[in-house]
């Protein structure tokens, strides 16, 4: 066995020894049955620790106490999926906001360019309304 490896650990307690993965040994010692259940319970508790002042924490705690570790784990997975979707939606909204801001900047620069044209060529009619300039003397081919 490699040095520092945790799988296949042997622990001596009293007059007998336990063999298996560390998580399985811990699970047996605390009465959870399997290491998988221990890992699920650990994730549930860590999630609850991060959601200290949330309704989610109360719901998970009730589920954990009244139902099972697996039920609480499924609930945590659902909450994580919802949080991920909300995070993704917020990122998409921010990207759209930045895109709209860039479009507005481009329209503004175009309006400024048209206004400079009107000033340079002394156009008689120029309307700078909402980033749009209307110049009577500019033909479409003069761009």
Protein backbone atom coordinates (compact mmCIF):
# COMPACT_ATOMS: atom_id res chain seq x y z
CA UNK A 1 0.00 0.00 0.00
CA UNK A 2 1.27 3.52 -0.81
CA UNK A 3 2.21 5.82 1.97
CA UNK A 4 -0.58 8.22 2.98
CA UNK A 5 -3.32 6.19 1.29
CA UNK A 6 -6.58 6.13 3.19
CA UNK A 7 -8.33 3.28 1.44
CA UNK A 8 -8.00 -0.02 3.18
CA UNK A 9 -7.25 1.67 6.49
CA UNK A 10 -7.25 -0.54 9.53
CA UNK A 11 -8.30 0.93 12.83
CA UNK A 12 -7.89 -0.80 16.15
CA UNK A 13 -10.52 -0.07 18.74
CA UNK A 14 -10.27 -2.00 21.95
CA UNK A 15 -9.69 -5.68 21.22
CA UNK A 16 -10.91 -5.69 17.63
CA UNK A 17 -9.93 -3.99 14.38
CA UNK A 18 -11.99 -2.50 11.56
CA UNK A 19 -10.93 -2.65 7.92
CA UNK A 20 -12.26 -0.61 4.99
CA UNK A 21 -12.36 2.90 3.61
CA UNK A 22 -12.08 5.66 6.18
CA UNK A 23 -15.57 6.94 5.39
CA UNK A 24 -17.00 3.44 5.90
CA UNK A 25 -15.21 3.08 9.22
CA UNK A 26 -16.49 6.47 10.38
CA UNK A 27 -20.01 5.64 9.19
CA UNK A 28 -20.02 2.37 11.13
CA UNK A 29 -18.73 4.09 14.25
CA UNK A 30 -21.47 6.72 14.23
CA UNK A 31 -24.17 4.24 13.24
CA UNK A 32 -24.91 5.39 9.70
CA UNK A 33 -24.47 2.06 7.98
CA UNK A 34 -22.43 3.05 4.94
CA UNK A 35 -19.84 5.55 3.82
CA UNK A 36 -22.14 6.80 1.08
CA UNK A 37 -24.74 7.79 3.68
CA UNK A 38 -21.99 9.47 5.70
CA UNK A 39 -20.87 11.48 2.61
CA UNK A 40 -24.46 12.54 1.91
CA UNK A 41 -24.98 13.56 5.52
CA UNK A 42 -21.71 15.49 5.50
CA UNK A 43 -22.78 17.41 2.38
CA UNK A 44 -26.19 18.18 3.92
CA UNK A 45 -24.62 19.53 7.10
CA UNK A 46 -22.08 21.62 5.15
CA UNK A 47 -24.90 23.10 3.07
CA UNK A 48 -26.85 23.88 6.23
CA UNK A 49 -23.79 25.58 7.72
CA UNK A 50 -23.55 27.84 4.64
CA UNK A 51 -27.27 28.65 4.76
CA UNK A 52 -27.31 29.84 8.36
CA UNK A 53 -30.18 32.34 8.13
CA UNK A 54 -32.21 30.81 5.36
CA UNK A 55 -35.61 29.13 5.20
CA UNK A 56 -33.82 26.40 3.25
CA UNK A 57 -31.85 25.53 6.40
CA UNK A 58 -35.01 25.04 8.44
CA UNK A 59 -36.62 22.91 5.74
CA UNK A 60 -33.52 20.75 5.42
CA UNK A 61 -33.24 20.37 9.20
CA UNK A 62 -36.86 19.25 9.45
CA UNK A 63 -36.39 16.82 6.55
CA UNK A 64 -33.19 15.47 8.09
CA UNK A 65 -34.82 14.92 11.48
CA UNK A 66 -38.25 13.68 10.35
CA UNK A 67 -37.37 11.71 7.21
CA UNK A 68 -33.84 10.62 6.31
CA UNK A 69 -30.37 11.67 5.26
CA UNK A 70 -31.19 10.66 1.68
CA UNK A 71 -34.33 12.82 1.60
CA UNK A 72 -32.39 15.80 2.97
CA UNK A 73 -29.61 15.13 0.43
CA UNK A 74 -32.13 15.18 -2.45
CA UNK A 75 -33.52 18.46 -1.11
CA UNK A 76 -30.01 19.95 -0.96
CA UNK A 77 -29.35 18.82 -4.54
CA UNK A 78 -32.59 20.53 -5.63
CA UNK A 79 -31.61 23.75 -3.82
CA UNK A 80 -28.16 23.66 -5.43
CA UNK A 81 -29.71 23.20 -8.89
CA UNK A 82 -32.02 26.17 -8.28
CA UNK A 83 -29.09 28.31 -7.10
CA UNK A 84 -27.09 27.32 -10.17
CA UNK A 85 -29.98 28.24 -12.50
CA UNK A 86 -30.42 31.59 -10.74
CA UNK A 87 -26.69 32.28 -10.98
CA UNK A 88 -26.69 31.41 -14.69
CA UNK A 89 -29.75 33.62 -15.29
CA UNK A 90 -28.07 36.54 -13.50
CA UNK A 91 -24.93 36.08 -15.61
CA UNK A 92 -27.03 36.03 -18.80
CA UNK A 93 -28.88 39.18 -17.72
CA UNK A 94 -25.58 40.93 -16.99
CA UNK A 95 -24.21 39.90 -20.40
CA UNK A 96 -27.36 41.25 -22.09
CA UNK A 97 -27.11 44.51 -20.10
CA UNK A 98 -23.49 44.92 -21.24
CA UNK A 99 -24.47 44.14 -24.84
CA UNK A 100 -27.22 46.77 -24.74
CA UNK A 101 -24.81 49.26 -23.19
CA UNK A 102 -22.31 48.63 -26.01
CA UNK A 103 -25.05 49.07 -28.64
CA UNK A 104 -26.06 52.38 -27.05
CA UNK A 105 -22.41 53.49 -27.07
CA UNK A 106 -22.11 52.59 -30.76
CA UNK A 107 -25.30 54.51 -31.58
CA UNK A 108 -23.96 57.49 -29.66
CA UNK A 109 -20.65 57.41 -31.54
CA UNK A 110 -22.51 57.20 -34.84
CA UNK A 111 -24.64 60.21 -33.84
CA UNK A 112 -21.54 62.16 -32.88
CA UNK A 113 -19.95 61.31 -36.22
CA UNK A 114 -23.04 62.52 -38.09
CA UNK A 115 -23.16 65.68 -35.99
CA UNK A 116 -19.51 66.41 -36.80
CA UNK A 117 -20.36 65.98 -40.48
CA UNK A 118 -23.19 68.51 -40.18
CA UNK A 119 -20.91 70.98 -38.40
CA UNK A 120 -18.08 70.56 -40.88
CA UNK A 121 -20.26 70.87 -43.95
CA UNK A 122 -22.62 73.48 -42.48
CA UNK A 123 -25.75 71.49 -43.03
CA UNK A 124 -28.83 73.60 -42.52
CA UNK A 125 -30.93 70.91 -40.82
CA UNK A 126 -29.56 68.73 -38.03
CA UNK A 127 -31.64 66.97 -35.43
CA UNK A 128 -29.75 65.23 -32.64
CA UNK A 129 -32.60 63.38 -30.99
CA UNK A 130 -31.98 60.17 -29.07
CA UNK A 131 -28.59 59.46 -30.66
CA UNK A 132 -29.97 59.97 -34.14
CA UNK A 133 -28.94 62.80 -36.43
CA UNK A 134 -30.95 63.75 -39.47
CA UNK A 135 -29.08 65.79 -41.95
CA UNK A 136 -30.94 66.92 -45.08
CA UNK A 137 -27.77 67.34 -47.10
CA UNK A 138 -26.28 63.86 -46.50
CA UNK A 139 -27.00 61.37 -49.23
CA UNK A 140 -26.80 57.63 -48.57
CA UNK A 141 -23.80 57.38 -50.91
CA UNK A 142 -21.83 60.05 -48.96
CA UNK A 143 -21.12 57.72 -46.07
